[in-house]
C-alpha atoms as a PDB file:
ATOM      1  CA  MET A   1     -27.675 -25.498   2.758  1.00  0.00           C
ATOM      2  CA  ASN A   2     -29.442 -26.130  -0.520  1.00  0.00           C
ATOM      3  CA  THR A   3     -31.146 -22.738  -0.283  1.00  0.00           C
ATOM      4  CA  GLN A   4     -28.828 -20.119  -1.705  1.00  0.00           C
ATOM      5  CA  PRO A   5     -29.170 -16.354  -1.094  1.00  0.00           C
ATOM      6  CA  GLY A   6     -29.787 -15.539  -4.735  1.00  0.00           C
ATOM      7  CA  TRP A   7     -30.083 -11.790  -4.224  1.00  0.00           C
ATOM      8  CA  LEU A   8     -26.466 -11.794  -3.063  1.00  0.00           C
ATOM      9  CA  GLY A   9     -25.244 -14.022  -5.851  1.00  0.00           C
ATOM     10  CA  LEU A  10     -22.330 -13.433  -8.138  1.00  0.00           C
ATOM     11  CA  PHE A  11     -23.166 -15.905 -10.878  1.00  0.00           C
ATOM     12  CA  LEU A  12     -20.963 -16.677 -13.816  1.00  0.00           C
ATOM     13  CA  GLU A  13     -23.108 -15.445 -16.673  1.00  0.00           C
ATOM     14  CA  ASP A  14     -20.355 -14.627 -19.185  1.00  0.00           C
ATOM     15  CA  SER A  15     -18.963 -17.871 -20.602  1.00  0.00           C
ATOM     16  CA  GLY A  16     -16.020 -16.004 -22.161  1.00  0.00           C
ATOM     17  CA  ASP A  17     -14.913 -14.563 -18.823  1.00  0.00           C
ATOM     18  CA  ARG A  18     -15.464 -17.919 -17.154  1.00  0.00           C
ATOM     19  CA  CYS A  19     -13.353 -19.648 -19.799  1.00  0.00           C
ATOM     20  CA  ARG A  20     -10.472 -17.173 -19.641  1.00  0.00           C
ATOM     21  CA  THR A  21     -10.401 -17.189 -15.846  1.00  0.00           C
ATOM     22  CA  ALA A  22     -10.470 -20.999 -15.754  1.00  0.00           C
ATOM     23  CA  LYS A  23      -7.455 -21.242 -18.076  1.00  0.00           C
ATOM     24  CA  LEU A  24      -5.533 -18.631 -16.110  1.00  0.00           C
ATOM     25  CA  LEU A  25      -6.219 -20.424 -12.830  1.00  0.00           C
ATOM     26  CA  ALA A  26      -5.167 -23.785 -14.253  1.00  0.00           C
ATOM     27  CA  ARG A  27      -1.825 -22.308 -15.242  1.00  0.00           C
ATOM     28  CA  ARG A  28      -1.436 -20.417 -11.992  1.00  0.00           C
ATOM     29  CA  SER A  29      -2.010 -23.655 -10.136  1.00  0.00           C
ATOM     30  CA  ARG A  30       0.780 -25.291 -12.119  1.00  0.00           C
ATOM     31  CA  VAL A  31       3.231 -22.461 -11.435  1.00  0.00           C
ATOM     32  CA  ARG A  32       2.434 -22.348  -7.716  1.00  0.00           C
ATOM     33  CA  ILE A  33       2.819 -26.088  -7.289  1.00  0.00           C
ATOM     34  CA  ALA A  34       6.092 -26.162  -9.234  1.00  0.00           C
ATOM     35  CA  SER A  35       7.496 -23.303  -7.149  1.00  0.00           C
ATOM     36  CA  ILE A  36       6.647 -25.116  -3.917  1.00  0.00           C
ATOM     37  CA  LEU A  37       7.853 -28.540  -5.037  1.00  0.00           C
ATOM     38  CA  PHE A  38      11.096 -27.400  -6.622  1.00  0.00           C
ATOM     39  CA  GLY A  39      11.596 -23.802  -5.490  1.00  0.00           C
ATOM     40  CA  ALA A  40      14.250 -22.227  -3.280  1.00  0.00           C
ATOM     41  CA  LYS A  41      12.394 -23.434  -0.174  1.00  0.00           C
ATOM     42  CA  PRO A  42      10.686 -26.641  -1.266  1.00  0.00           C
ATOM     43  CA  ILE A  43       7.968 -28.186   0.841  1.00  0.00           C
ATOM     44  CA  PRO A  44       9.203 -31.207   2.874  1.00  0.00           C
ATOM     45  CA  LEU A  45       7.946 -34.246   0.982  1.00  0.00           C
ATOM     46  CA  ARG A  46       9.985 -37.108   2.397  1.00  0.00           C
ATOM     47  CA  GLY A  47       7.857 -40.164   3.022  1.00  0.00           C
ATOM     48  CA  VAL A  48       4.746 -38.868   1.274  1.00  0.00           C
ATOM     49  CA  GLY A  49       5.339 -39.351  -2.411  1.00  0.00           C
ATOM     50  CA  ILE A  50       8.657 -37.949  -3.688  1.00  0.00           C
ATOM     51  CA  GLU A  51      12.077 -38.742  -2.217  1.00  0.00           C
ATOM     52  CA  TYR A  52      15.626 -37.989  -3.259  1.00  0.00           C
ATOM     53  CA  LEU A  53      17.258 -41.082  -4.729  1.00  0.00           C
ATOM     54  CA  ASP A  54      20.728 -39.763  -5.517  1.00  0.00           C
ATOM     55  CA  PHE A  55      22.724 -36.974  -7.111  1.00  0.00           C
ATOM     56  CA  ARG A  56      24.319 -37.141 -10.556  1.00  0.00           C
ATOM     57  CA  ASP A  57      25.926 -34.975 -13.226  1.00  0.00           C
ATOM     58  CA  TYR A  58      23.649 -32.777 -15.307  1.00  0.00           C
ATOM     59  CA  VAL A  59      22.929 -34.048 -18.812  1.00  0.00           C
ATOM     60  CA  GLU A  60      21.328 -32.108 -21.639  1.00  0.00           C
ATOM     61  CA  GLY A  61      17.552 -32.116 -21.271  1.00  0.00           C
ATOM     62  CA  ASP A  62      17.478 -32.244 -17.449  1.00  0.00           C
ATOM     63  CA  ASP A  63      15.190 -29.747 -15.734  1.00  0.00           C
ATOM     64  CA  ILE A  64      17.318 -26.859 -14.453  1.00  0.00           C
ATOM     65  CA  ARG A  65      15.058 -26.684 -11.377  1.00  0.00           C
ATOM     66  CA  PHE A  66      16.600 -29.934 -10.131  1.00  0.00           C
ATOM     67  CA  VAL A  67      20.148 -28.559  -9.991  1.00  0.00           C
ATOM     68  CA  ASP A  68      21.558 -28.659  -6.455  1.00  0.00           C
ATOM     69  CA  TRP A  69      23.542 -25.446  -6.380  1.00  0.00           C
ATOM     70  CA  ARG A  70      25.224 -26.114  -3.039  1.00  0.00           C
ATOM     71  CA  ILE A  71      26.775 -29.365  -4.221  1.00  0.00           C
ATOM     72  CA  THR A  72      27.513 -27.809  -7.614  1.00  0.00           C
ATOM     73  CA  ALA A  73      29.497 -25.055  -5.891  1.00  0.00           C
ATOM     74  CA  ARG A  74      31.748 -27.713  -4.299  1.00  0.00           C
ATOM     75  CA  SER A  75      32.087 -29.892  -7.399  1.00  0.00           C
ATOM     76  CA  LEU A  76      34.912 -29.253  -9.854  1.00  0.00           C
ATOM     77  CA  THR A  77      36.125 -31.099 -12.929  1.00  0.00           C
ATOM     78  CA  PRO A  78      39.850 -31.984 -13.287  1.00  0.00           C
ATOM     79  CA  GLU A  79      40.109 -28.900 -15.515  1.00  0.00           C
ATOM     80  CA  GLY A  80      38.803 -26.707 -12.705  1.00  0.00           C
ATOM     81  CA  ASP A  81      35.343 -26.105 -14.133  1.00  0.00           C
ATOM     82  CA  TYR A  82      32.162 -26.428 -12.097  1.00  0.00           C
ATOM     83  CA  ARG A  83      30.101 -29.611 -12.530  1.00  0.00           C
ATOM     84  CA  LEU A  84      26.334 -29.159 -12.551  1.00  0.00           C
ATOM     85  CA  ILE A  85      24.871 -31.665 -10.105  1.00  0.00           C
ATOM     86  CA  VAL A  86      21.162 -32.507 -10.253  1.00  0.00           C
ATOM     87  CA  LYS A  87      18.891 -34.240  -7.791  1.00  0.00           C
ATOM     88  CA  GLU A  88      17.548 -37.573  -8.953  1.00  0.00           C
ATOM     89  CA  PHE A  89      14.132 -38.393  -7.564  1.00  0.00           C
ATOM     90  CA  LEU A  90      12.560 -41.662  -6.657  1.00  0.00           C
ATOM     91  CA  ALA A  91       8.858 -41.526  -7.448  1.00  0.00           C
ATOM     92  CA  GLU A  92       6.765 -44.195  -5.855  1.00  0.00           C
ATOM     93  CA  ARG A  93       4.885 -46.526  -8.153  1.00  0.00           C
ATOM     94  CA  MET A  94       2.329 -44.741 -10.269  1.00  0.00           C
ATOM     95  CA  VAL A  95      -1.258 -44.977  -9.080  1.00  0.00           C
ATOM     96  CA  ASN A  96      -4.657 -44.345 -10.577  1.00  0.00           C
ATOM     97  CA  ASN A  97      -6.640 -41.717  -8.689  1.00  0.00           C
ATOM     98  CA  THR A  98     -10.264 -40.819  -9.312  1.00  0.00           C
ATOM     99  CA  ILE A  99     -11.168 -37.116  -9.206  1.00  0.00           C
ATOM    100  CA  ILE A 100     -14.826 -36.088  -9.204  1.00  0.00           C
ATOM    101  CA  LEU A 101     -15.776 -32.474  -9.873  1.00  0.00           C
ATOM    102  CA  ASP A 102     -19.239 -31.303  -8.877  1.00  0.00           C
ATOM    103  CA  TYR A 103     -20.314 -28.957 -11.678  1.00  0.00           C
ATOM    104  CA  SER A 104     -23.859 -28.409 -10.446  1.00  0.00           C
ATOM    105  CA  GLY A 105     -25.745 -25.116 -10.265  1.00  0.00           C
ATOM    106  CA  SER A 106     -24.659 -24.222  -6.757  1.00  0.00           C
ATOM    107  CA  MET A 107     -20.980 -24.338  -7.808  1.00  0.00           C
ATOM    108  CA  GLY A 108     -21.642 -21.307  -9.997  1.00  0.00           C
ATOM    109  CA  TYR A 109     -22.299 -19.171  -6.922  1.00  0.00           C
ATOM    110  CA  GLY A 110     -19.627 -16.669  -5.934  1.00  0.00           C
ATOM    111  CA  ASP A 111     -16.123 -17.895  -6.730  1.00  0.00           C
ATOM    112  CA  LYS A 112     -16.711 -21.540  -5.770  1.00  0.00           C
ATOM    113  CA  LEU A 113     -16.208 -22.793  -9.302  1.00  0.00           C
ATOM    114  CA  PHE A 114     -12.894 -20.969  -9.641  1.00  0.00           C
ATOM    115  CA  SER A 115     -11.721 -22.435  -6.330  1.00  0.00           C
ATOM    116  CA  ALA A 116     -12.660 -25.888  -7.611  1.00  0.00           C
ATOM    117  CA  ILE A 117     -10.774 -25.339 -10.891  1.00  0.00           C
ATOM    118  CA  TYR A 118      -7.666 -24.308  -8.975  1.00  0.00           C
ATOM    119  CA  VAL A 119      -7.804 -27.405  -6.755  1.00  0.00           C
ATOM    120  CA  VAL A 120      -8.590 -29.934  -9.505  1.00  0.00           C
ATOM    121  CA  SER A 121      -5.901 -28.457 -11.769  1.00  0.00           C
ATOM    122  CA  GLY A 122      -3.454 -28.734  -8.892  1.00  0.00           C
ATOM    123  CA  PHE A 123      -4.225 -32.421  -8.451  1.00  0.00           C
ATOM    124  CA  LEU A 124      -3.772 -32.986 -12.179  1.00  0.00           C
ATOM    125  CA  TRP A 125      -0.389 -31.219 -12.286  1.00  0.00           C
ATOM    126  CA  LEU A 126       0.769 -33.275  -9.291  1.00  0.00           C
ATOM    127  CA  ALA A 127      -0.379 -36.463 -10.999  1.00  0.00           C
ATOM    128  CA  ASP A 128       1.580 -35.471 -14.087  1.00  0.00           C
ATOM    129  CA  ASN A 129       4.752 -34.933 -12.028  1.00  0.00           C
ATOM    130  CA  LEU A 130       4.374 -38.409 -10.541  1.00  0.00           C
ATOM    131  CA  ASP A 131       3.371 -40.206 -13.772  1.00  0.00           C
ATOM    132  CA  ASP A 132      -0.011 -41.112 -12.299  1.00  0.00           C
ATOM    133  CA  THR A 133      -3.071 -41.771 -14.386  1.00  0.00           C
ATOM    134  CA  ILE A 134      -6.399 -40.194 -13.539  1.00  0.00           C
ATOM    135  CA  ASP A 135     -10.088 -40.977 -13.765  1.00  0.00           C
ATOM    136  CA  LEU A 136     -11.652 -37.552 -14.271  1.00  0.00           C
ATOM    137  CA  ILE A 137     -15.407 -37.406 -13.684  1.00  0.00           C
ATOM    138  CA  VAL A 138     -17.491 -34.266 -14.123  1.00  0.00           C
ATOM    139  CA  LEU A 139     -21.002 -34.337 -12.664  1.00  0.00           C
ATOM    140  CA  TRP A 140     -23.152 -31.869 -14.587  1.00  0.00           C
ATOM    141  CA  GLY A 141     -26.673 -31.990 -13.225  1.00  0.00           C
ATOM    142  CA  ASP A 142     -28.173 -35.314 -14.285  1.00  0.00           C
ATOM    143  CA  LYS A 143     -25.384 -35.959 -16.788  1.00  0.00           C
ATOM    144  CA  THR A 144     -22.022 -37.560 -16.063  1.00  0.00           C
ATOM    145  CA  TYR A 145     -18.840 -37.123 -18.085  1.00  0.00           C
ATOM    146  CA  ASN A 146     -16.460 -39.987 -17.317  1.00  0.00           C
ATOM    147  CA  TYR A 147     -12.874 -40.090 -18.574  1.00  0.00           C
ATOM    148  CA  PRO A 148     -11.178 -43.183 -17.089  1.00  0.00           C
ATOM    149  CA  GLY A 149      -7.438 -43.807 -17.097  1.00  0.00           C
ATOM    150  CA  ILE A 150      -6.386 -40.599 -18.844  1.00  0.00           C
ATOM    151  CA  ASP A 151      -3.116 -38.696 -18.868  1.00  0.00           C
ATOM    152  CA  PRO A 152      -3.272 -35.795 -16.353  1.00  0.00           C
ATOM    153  CA  ILE A 153      -2.393 -33.191 -18.988  1.00  0.00           C
ATOM    154  CA  GLN A 154      -5.296 -34.449 -21.058  1.00  0.00           C
ATOM    155  CA  GLY A 155      -7.377 -34.041 -17.907  1.00  0.00           C
ATOM    156  CA  VAL A 156      -6.478 -30.340 -17.719  1.00  0.00           C
ATOM    157  CA  VAL A 157      -7.529 -29.881 -21.344  1.00  0.00           C
ATOM    158  CA  LEU A 158     -10.820 -31.671 -20.746  1.00  0.00           C
ATOM    159  CA  LEU A 159     -11.468 -29.645 -17.594  1.00  0.00           C
ATOM    160  CA  GLU A 160     -10.975 -26.380 -19.468  1.00  0.00           C
ATOM    161  CA  LYS A 161     -13.179 -27.653 -22.287  1.00  0.00           C
ATOM    162  CA  HIS A 162     -16.067 -28.300 -19.897  1.00  0.00           C
ATOM    163  CA  ILE A 163     -15.731 -24.952 -18.171  1.00  0.00           C
ATOM    164  CA  CYS A 164     -15.614 -23.077 -21.463  1.00  0.00           C
ATOM    165  CA  ARG A 165     -18.544 -24.849 -23.127  1.00  0.00           C
ATOM    166  CA  LEU A 166     -20.947 -25.571 -20.294  1.00  0.00           C
ATOM    167  CA  GLU A 167     -22.431 -23.501 -17.497  1.00  0.00           C
ATOM    168  CA  PRO A 168     -22.895 -25.061 -14.044  1.00  0.00           C
ATOM    169  CA  ARG A 169     -26.391 -26.502 -13.817  1.00  0.00           C
ATOM    170  CA  GLY A 170     -28.720 -28.879 -12.014  1.00  0.00           C
ATOM    171  CA  TYR A 171     -28.268 -30.779  -8.783  1.00  0.00           C
ATOM    172  CA  THR A 172     -25.617 -33.383  -8.007  1.00  0.00           C
ATOM    173  CA  SER A 173     -26.496 -36.120  -5.534  1.00  0.00           C
ATOM    174  CA  LEU A 174     -23.784 -37.921  -3.595  1.00  0.00           C
ATOM    175  CA  ARG A 175     -25.818 -41.060  -4.195  1.00  0.00           C
ATOM    176  CA  ASP A 176     -24.847 -40.711  -7.850  1.00  0.00           C
ATOM    177  CA  VAL A 177     -21.210 -40.902  -6.778  1.00  0.00           C
ATOM    178  CA  VAL A 178     -21.890 -44.305  -5.242  1.00  0.00           C
ATOM    179  CA  SER A 179     -23.386 -45.503  -8.536  1.00  0.00           C
ATOM    180  CA  ILE A 180     -20.222 -44.359 -10.321  1.00  0.00           C
ATOM    181  CA  LEU A 181     -17.975 -46.163  -7.849  1.00  0.00           C
ATOM    182  CA  LYS A 182     -19.709 -49.447  -8.605  1.00  0.00           C
ATOM    183  CA  LYS A 183     -18.489 -49.129 -12.189  1.00  0.00           C
ATOM    184  CA  LEU A 184     -14.906 -48.265 -11.235  1.00  0.00           C
ATOM    185  CA  ARG A 185     -13.231 -51.471 -10.192  1.00  0.00           C
ATOM    186  CA  LYS A 186      -9.959 -51.779  -8.298  1.00  0.00           C
ATOM    187  CA  ARG A 187      -9.844 -48.088  -7.470  1.00  0.00           C
ATOM    188  CA  ARG A 188      -8.428 -47.255  -4.065  1.00  0.00           C
ATOM    189  CA  SER A 189      -8.484 -43.461  -3.927  1.00  0.00           C
ATOM    190  CA  LEU A 190     -11.235 -40.945  -4.590  1.00  0.00           C
ATOM    191  CA  PHE A 191     -11.135 -37.142  -4.512  1.00  0.00           C
ATOM    192  CA  ILE A 192     -14.472 -35.300  -4.425  1.00  0.00           C
ATOM    193  CA  VAL A 193     -14.365 -31.561  -5.111  1.00  0.00           C
ATOM    194  CA  SER A 194     -17.757 -30.128  -4.228  1.00  0.00           C
ATOM    195  CA  ASP A 195     -19.572 -27.658  -1.979  1.00  0.00           C
ATOM    196  CA  TYR A 196     -21.836 -28.029   1.045  1.00  0.00           C
ATOM    197  CA  GLY A 197     -25.053 -28.217  -0.964  1.00  0.00           C
ATOM    198  CA  HIS A 198     -25.831 -31.830  -0.064  1.00  0.00           C
ATOM    199  CA  PRO A 199     -28.137 -33.272   2.616  1.00  0.00           C
ATOM    200  CA  LEU A 200     -26.350 -35.009   5.458  1.00  0.00           C
ATOM    201  CA  ASP A 201     -28.105 -38.311   4.753  1.00  0.00           C
ATOM    202  CA  GLU A 202     -26.445 -38.387   1.313  1.00  0.00           C
ATOM    203  CA  LEU A 203     -23.070 -37.843   2.955  1.00  0.00           C
ATOM    204  CA  LEU A 204     -23.649 -40.709   5.384  1.00  0.00           C
ATOM    205  CA  PHE A 205     -24.799 -42.962   2.529  1.00  0.00           C
ATOM    206  CA  LEU A 206     -21.575 -42.177   0.683  1.00  0.00           C
ATOM    207  CA  GLY A 207     -19.518 -42.958   3.778  1.00  0.00           C
ATOM    208  CA  LYS A 208     -21.059 -46.398   4.224  1.00  0.00           C
ATOM    209  CA  ASN A 209     -20.306 -47.334   0.633  1.00  0.00           C
ATOM    210  CA  ILE A 210     -16.770 -45.952   0.755  1.00  0.00           C
ATOM    211  CA  TYR A 211     -16.067 -48.065   3.828  1.00  0.00           C
ATOM    212  CA  ALA A 212     -17.525 -51.181   2.235  1.00  0.00           C
ATOM    213  CA  ARG A 213     -15.253 -50.794  -0.808  1.00  0.00           C
ATOM    214  CA  ASN A 214     -12.102 -49.964   1.178  1.00  0.00           C
ATOM    215  CA  ILE A 215     -11.590 -46.702  -0.714  1.00  0.00           C
ATOM    216  CA  SER A 216      -9.484 -43.834   0.614  1.00  0.00           C
ATOM    217  CA  LEU A 217     -11.753 -40.796   0.278  1.00  0.00           C
ATOM    218  CA  THR A 218     -10.520 -37.210   0.217  1.00  0.00           C
ATOM    219  CA  MET A 219     -13.132 -34.443   0.333  1.00  0.00           C
ATOM    220  CA  ILE A 220     -12.524 -30.871  -0.766  1.00  0.00           C
ATOM    221  CA  ASN A 221     -15.411 -28.880   0.717  1.00  0.00           C
ATOM    222  CA  ILE A 222     -15.705 -25.496  -0.994  1.00  0.00           C
ATOM    223  CA  THR A 223     -17.674 -22.444  -0.018  1.00  0.00           C
ATOM    224  CA  THR A 224     -17.414 -18.728  -0.691  1.00  0.00           C
ATOM    225  CA  PRO A 225     -17.283 -15.992   1.989  1.00  0.00           C
ATOM    226  CA  ILE A 226     -20.639 -14.395   1.200  1.00  0.00           C
ATOM    227  CA  GLU A 227     -22.312 -17.798   1.403  1.00  0.00           C
ATOM    228  CA  VAL A 228     -21.489 -18.276   5.077  1.00  0.00           C
ATOM    229  CA  GLU A 229     -21.147 -14.700   6.348  1.00  0.00           C
ATOM    230  CA  PRO A 230     -24.116 -12.272   6.293  1.00  0.00           C
ATOM    231  CA  PRO A 231     -23.495  -8.943   4.525  1.00  0.00           C
ATOM    232  CA  GLY A 232     -24.487  -6.942   7.606  1.00  0.00           C
ATOM    233  CA  THR A 233     -27.962  -6.022   6.364  1.00  0.00           C
ATOM    234  CA  HIS A 234     -30.706  -7.285   8.668  1.00  0.00           C
ATOM    235  CA  GLY A 235     -34.320  -8.037   7.831  1.00  0.00           C
ATOM    236  CA  PHE A 236     -36.415 -10.533   5.880  1.00  0.00           C
ATOM    237  CA  TYR A 237     -35.307 -11.652   2.435  1.00  0.00           C
ATOM    238  CA  TYR A 238     -36.334 -14.086  -0.241  1.00  0.00           C
ATOM    239  CA  PHE A 239     -33.720 -16.768  -0.785  1.00  0.00           C
ATOM    240  CA  LYS A 240     -33.747 -18.855  -3.948  1.00  0.00           C
ATOM    241  CA  ASP A 241     -32.303 -22.309  -4.498  1.00  0.00           C
ATOM    242  CA  TYR A 242     -30.725 -22.128  -7.954  1.00  0.00           C
ATOM    243  CA  GLU A 243     -30.449 -25.915  -8.244  1.00  0.00           C
ATOM    244  CA  ARG A 244     -34.030 -26.854  -7.403  1.00  0.00           C
ATOM    245  CA  GLY A 245     -35.849 -23.602  -8.140  1.00  0.00           C
ATOM    246  CA  GLU A 246     -37.342 -23.483  -4.642  1.00  0.00           C
ATOM    247  CA  GLY A 247     -37.638 -20.314  -2.564  1.00  0.00           C
ATOM    248  CA  LEU A 248     -37.673 -19.362   1.088  1.00  0.00           C
ATOM    249  CA  LYS A 249     -38.587 -16.107   2.828  1.00  0.00           C
ATOM    250  CA  THR A 250     -36.974 -15.755   6.221  1.00  0.00           C
ATOM    251  CA  ASP A 251     -34.953 -13.512   8.476  1.00  0.00           C
ATOM    252  CA  ILE A 252     -31.375 -13.228   7.263  1.00  0.00           C
ATOM    253  CA  ASP A 253     -29.878 -13.917  10.705  1.00  0.00           C
ATOM    254  CA  THR A 254     -31.940 -17.092  11.057  1.00  0.00           C
ATOM    255  CA  TYR A 255     -30.885 -18.194   7.593  1.00  0.00           C
ATOM    256  CA  TYR A 256     -27.151 -17.741   8.134  1.00  0.00           C
ATOM    257  CA  LYS A 257     -27.347 -19.397  11.528  1.00  0.00           C
ATOM    258  CA  ALA A 258     -28.818 -22.471   9.830  1.00  0.00           C
ATOM    259  CA  VAL A 259     -26.132 -22.312   7.126  1.00  0.00           C
ATOM    260  CA  LYS A 260     -23.310 -22.252   9.680  1.00  0.00           C
ATOM    261  CA  GLN A 261     -24.838 -25.173  11.561  1.00  0.00           C
ATOM    262  CA  HIS A 262     -25.102 -27.176   8.348  1.00  0.00           C
ATOM    263  CA  VAL A 263     -21.466 -26.400   7.427  1.00  0.00           C
ATOM    264  CA  LEU A 264     -20.287 -27.460  10.890  1.00  0.00           C
ATOM    265  CA  LEU A 265     -22.191 -30.754  10.752  1.00  0.00           C
ATOM    266  CA  TYR A 266     -21.105 -31.385   7.165  1.00  0.00           C
ATOM    267  CA  ASP A 267     -17.437 -30.906   8.047  1.00  0.00           C
ATOM    268  CA  THR A 268     -17.830 -33.130  11.101  1.00  0.00           C
ATOM    269  CA  TYR A 269     -19.401 -35.953   9.103  1.00  0.00           C
ATOM    270  CA  SER A 270     -16.849 -35.479   6.313  1.00  0.00           C
ATOM    271  CA  SER A 271     -14.022 -35.963   8.793  1.00  0.00           C
ATOM    272  CA  LYS A 272     -15.581 -39.219   9.976  1.00  0.00           C
ATOM    273  CA  ILE A 273     -15.895 -40.780   6.518  1.00  0.00           C
ATOM    274  CA  SER A 274     -12.804 -39.284   4.819  1.00  0.00           C
ATOM    275  CA  TYR A 275      -9.096 -39.912   5.127  1.00  0.00           C
ATOM    276  CA  ASN A 276      -8.515 -36.242   4.343  1.00  0.00           C
ATOM    277  CA  VAL A 277     -10.779 -33.182   4.420  1.00  0.00           C
ATOM    278  CA  LEU A 278      -9.690 -29.829   3.043  1.00  0.00           C
ATOM    279  CA  ARG A 279     -11.964 -26.833   3.615  1.00  0.00           C
ATOM    280  CA  ILE A 280     -11.715 -24.029   1.068  1.00  0.00           C
ATOM    281  CA  LYS A 281     -13.370 -20.664   1.711  1.00  0.00           C
ATOM    282  CA  GLY A 282     -13.049 -18.808  -1.566  1.00  0.00           C
ATOM    283  CA  LEU A 283     -10.411 -18.547  -4.278  1.00  0.00           C
ATOM    284  CA  LYS A 284      -7.930 -16.549  -2.176  1.00  0.00           C
ATOM    285  CA  ASP A 285      -8.071 -19.266   0.449  1.00  0.00           C
ATOM    286  CA  ALA A 286      -7.562 -21.957  -2.202  1.00  0.00           C
ATOM    287  CA  ILE A 287      -4.407 -20.262  -3.487  1.00  0.00           C
ATOM    288  CA  ALA A 288      -3.117 -19.723   0.063  1.00  0.00           C
ATOM    289  CA  LYS A 289      -3.677 -23.415   0.782  1.00  0.00           C
ATOM    290  CA  THR A 290      -1.605 -24.679  -2.160  1.00  0.00           C
ATOM    291  CA  PRO A 291       0.823 -26.479   0.223  1.00  0.00           C
ATOM    292  CA  GLN A 292      -2.153 -28.228   1.824  1.00  0.00           C
ATOM    293  CA  ILE A 293      -3.458 -29.214  -1.622  1.00  0.00           C
ATOM    294  CA  ILE A 294      -0.085 -30.828  -2.317  1.00  0.00           C
ATOM    295  CA  ARG A 295      -0.019 -32.613   1.026  1.00  0.00           C
ATOM    296  CA  VAL A 296      -3.576 -33.891   0.602  1.00  0.00           C
ATOM    297  CA  TYR A 297      -2.780 -35.426  -2.781  1.00  0.00           C
ATOM    298  CA  LEU A 298       0.555 -36.912  -1.745  1.00  0.00           C
ATOM    299  CA  GLY A 299      -0.774 -38.091   1.603  1.00  0.00           C
ATOM    300  CA  THR A 300      -3.638 -39.951  -0.027  1.00  0.00           C
ATOM    301  CA  ARG A 301      -1.256 -41.365  -2.602  1.00  0.00           C
ATOM    302  CA  SER A 302       1.081 -42.615   0.110  1.00  0.00           C
ATOM    303  CA  ARG A 303      -1.842 -44.280   1.847  1.00  0.00           C
ATOM    304  CA  ILE A 304      -2.675 -46.154  -1.344  1.00  0.00           C
ATOM    305  CA  HIS A 305       0.850 -47.586  -1.417  1.00  0.00           C
ATOM    306  CA  GLU A 306       0.304 -48.899   2.100  1.00  0.00           C
ATOM    307  CA  PHE A 307      -2.659 -50.878   0.760  1.00  0.00           C
ATOM    308  CA  MET A 308      -0.552 -52.156  -2.147  1.00  0.00           C
ATOM    309  CA  VAL A 309       2.329 -53.436  -0.018  1.00  0.00           C
END
């Protein structure tokens, strides 16, 4: 799937628009995750990262979102006033998760980059809620930006900085990820946010090395609707690979058939080498799958604690 239908492409040419959209999505991710974690109908989280420890009286500075209004309604002071009762959470021991963002040329196609920003920002906000530290790694063509052991909020700032200053470029090999892992010692969890633009042999090579290092791998495989669904116009077209500069002239139906086969095989292999696989098909799908993003992060985190026990 390295060959992209360039004539269909919606590429992110305007860095100002890209920057503004990235910042908006990072904040939207935070709001969505907070509303699900602590909203009127919170997502069930017991056993996967956050558990209620107890209830106590509200003190100045507590987050109003943690007030349990049902218990508050039944709790009165001797003077007859209501007592605000808040939930006290037990967060499992903090962990250090490694998040790798593929910022190669193919991620600039369609809305894939925006989907990736939404997902990575979501992971960072979750890490902040749980007092985790993060290794944030951005793969930009043949250059790697590595920020080990940082505060998640700092990670959001750095993510926005990269998006605003740099355009997606070059090709990212999964073999490079293996080289990075060799430098990260005592890491037990890895999140890779990328697309399907990798040969299957690279994916298998990654899997072998992940297994050898006993790392819990989570893969976020991102695509965009126009990349996997033909626009309904038949005939022969020239397709251009924006990472490698190569071209291919072929029938559009043949091309998309090959794309779908590659996606199917890629997802199948991903499931074999990963603890979790989350498939994202465009930004709307990413936003709709916010609960799954939460579960993927917390589920992987819980698995790490099993290793630590």
